[in-house]
C-alpha cells in the first residue's frame, strides 16, 4: 500500500513540475526587439511595461510589429512565456476598448417653426 501511495505522489509531483516550467529564453543579441521578447517571455508585467516605455515604442506598436523567433510577440509569449495570460492581456488590450456616449448630445431635436 505504501508503494502505491509513493508512486502516485511521484507521478503527481513530476506532472506538476513539468506543467509549471516554461522554456528559458536566451537573447541572441542586444537589440531592443530581442530585449522586449526576453522580457515578455519572463512574464513580469511591470518589467514589460518599463521595457516598452524605455524602448520609445507604444504598446500597440510592440504588439503588432515585434517578431520573436519568427512569430509575433503575442504568439511567442503564448507558446514560450511564463505567466502568458497576464502578459498577453498587457500587450493586447483590443478587447478592452471603451466608448463614451454623451447623453446631453442625445436629446430629442427641438421642433423649430419658421414663420
Protein backbone atom coordinates (compact mmCIF):
# COMPACT_ATOMS: atom_id res chain seq x y z
CA UNK A 1 0.00 0.00 0.00
CA UNK A 2 2.83 2.42 0.79
CA UNK A 3 4.48 1.77 -2.57
CA UNK A 4 1.23 2.63 -4.37
CA UNK A 5 0.93 5.95 -2.49
CA UNK A 6 4.57 6.74 -3.17
CA UNK A 7 4.15 6.04 -6.90
CA UNK A 8 1.10 8.29 -7.10
CA UNK A 9 2.91 11.08 -5.23
CA UNK A 10 5.92 10.86 -7.56
CA UNK A 11 3.73 10.94 -10.67
CA UNK A 12 1.72 13.92 -9.39
CA UNK A 13 4.88 15.85 -8.45
CA UNK A 14 6.51 15.15 -11.80
CA UNK A 15 3.38 16.28 -13.67
CA UNK A 16 3.13 19.44 -11.59
CA UNK A 17 6.78 20.36 -12.17
CA UNK A 18 6.51 19.72 -15.91
CA UNK A 19 3.37 21.83 -16.25
CA UNK A 20 4.76 24.84 -14.38
CA UNK A 21 8.06 25.09 -16.26
CA UNK A 22 8.24 27.35 -19.27
CA UNK A 23 11.16 27.36 -21.64
CA UNK A 24 14.03 29.62 -20.62
CA UNK A 25 14.51 32.23 -23.31
CA UNK A 26 18.05 33.41 -24.02
CA UNK A 27 18.75 36.57 -26.02
CA UNK A 28 20.68 36.06 -29.26
CA UNK A 29 21.69 39.74 -29.42
CA UNK A 30 21.16 43.05 -27.63
CA UNK A 31 18.60 44.65 -29.95
CA UNK A 32 15.58 46.41 -28.44
CA UNK A 33 13.19 43.91 -30.00
CA UNK A 34 15.16 40.98 -28.62
CA UNK A 35 15.10 42.52 -25.15
CA UNK A 36 11.35 43.03 -25.45
CA UNK A 37 10.92 39.35 -26.43
CA UNK A 38 13.01 38.12 -23.49
CA UNK A 39 11.20 40.41 -21.05
CA UNK A 40 7.80 39.32 -22.36
CA UNK A 41 8.72 35.63 -22.03
CA UNK A 42 9.83 36.19 -18.42
CA UNK A 43 6.23 37.09 -17.55
CA UNK A 44 6.83 40.15 -15.35
CA UNK A 45 4.18 42.71 -16.34
CA UNK A 46 5.89 45.64 -14.59
CA UNK A 47 9.21 44.85 -16.26
CA UNK A 48 7.44 44.62 -19.62
CA UNK A 49 5.75 47.98 -19.09
CA UNK A 50 9.12 49.54 -18.26
CA UNK A 51 10.82 47.87 -21.24
CA UNK A 52 8.16 49.17 -23.64
CA UNK A 53 8.37 52.64 -22.12
CA UNK A 54 12.17 52.77 -22.34
CA UNK A 55 12.13 51.45 -25.93
CA UNK A 56 10.22 54.50 -27.12
CA UNK A 57 7.60 52.36 -28.89
CA UNK A 58 3.94 52.20 -27.95
CA UNK A 59 2.36 49.05 -26.51
CA UNK A 60 0.24 48.76 -29.65
CA UNK A 61 3.29 49.04 -31.90
CA UNK A 62 5.10 46.35 -29.91
CA UNK A 63 2.09 44.01 -30.01
CA UNK A 64 1.63 44.46 -33.76
CA UNK A 65 5.23 44.66 -35.04
CA UNK A 66 7.73 42.90 -32.78
CA UNK A 67 8.75 39.45 -34.07
CA UNK A 68 10.31 36.87 -31.75
CA UNK A 69 11.84 33.78 -33.40
CA UNK A 70 9.70 34.32 -36.50
CA UNK A 71 6.34 34.80 -34.75
CA UNK A 72 4.63 37.87 -33.38
CA UNK A 73 5.33 38.65 -29.73
CA UNK A 74 1.86 37.62 -28.53
CA UNK A 75 2.13 34.15 -30.12
CA UNK A 76 5.69 33.85 -28.83
CA UNK A 77 4.59 34.61 -25.26
CA UNK A 78 1.65 32.23 -25.59
CA UNK A 79 3.96 29.38 -26.67
CA UNK A 80 7.09 30.11 -24.61
CA UNK A 81 6.29 32.55 -21.84
CA UNK A 82 5.74 32.38 -18.14
CA UNK A 83 2.52 34.00 -16.88
CA UNK A 84 1.39 34.10 -20.51
CA UNK A 85 -2.25 35.06 -19.95
CA UNK A 86 -1.36 38.15 -17.94
CA UNK A 87 1.36 39.13 -20.40
CA UNK A 88 -0.96 38.73 -23.39
CA UNK A 89 -3.50 40.93 -21.61
CA UNK A 90 -0.76 43.51 -21.02
CA UNK A 91 0.26 43.53 -24.68
CA UNK A 92 -3.08 43.12 -26.44
CA UNK A 93 -5.86 45.20 -25.00
CA UNK A 94 -8.05 45.33 -28.09
CA UNK A 95 -10.90 43.64 -26.23
CA UNK A 96 -10.99 46.40 -23.63
CA UNK A 97 -11.89 49.38 -25.80
CA UNK A 98 -14.31 51.78 -24.18
CA UNK A 99 -16.77 54.06 -25.88
CA UNK A 100 -18.44 57.01 -24.22
CA UNK A 101 -21.78 58.42 -25.27
CA UNK A 102 -22.54 61.99 -24.29
CA UNK A 103 -26.13 61.82 -23.07
CA UNK A 104 -26.56 65.57 -23.36
CA UNK A 105 -25.97 65.33 -27.13
CA UNK A 106 -28.59 62.62 -27.50
CA UNK A 107 -31.56 64.76 -26.52
CA UNK A 108 -34.52 64.99 -28.88
CA UNK A 109 -34.35 67.58 -31.62
CA UNK A 110 -36.43 70.67 -30.91
CA UNK A 111 -39.23 71.48 -33.31
CA UNK A 112 -38.47 74.86 -34.79
CA UNK A 113 -41.28 76.60 -36.64
CA UNK A 114 -40.35 79.27 -39.11
CA UNK A 115 -42.77 81.93 -39.57
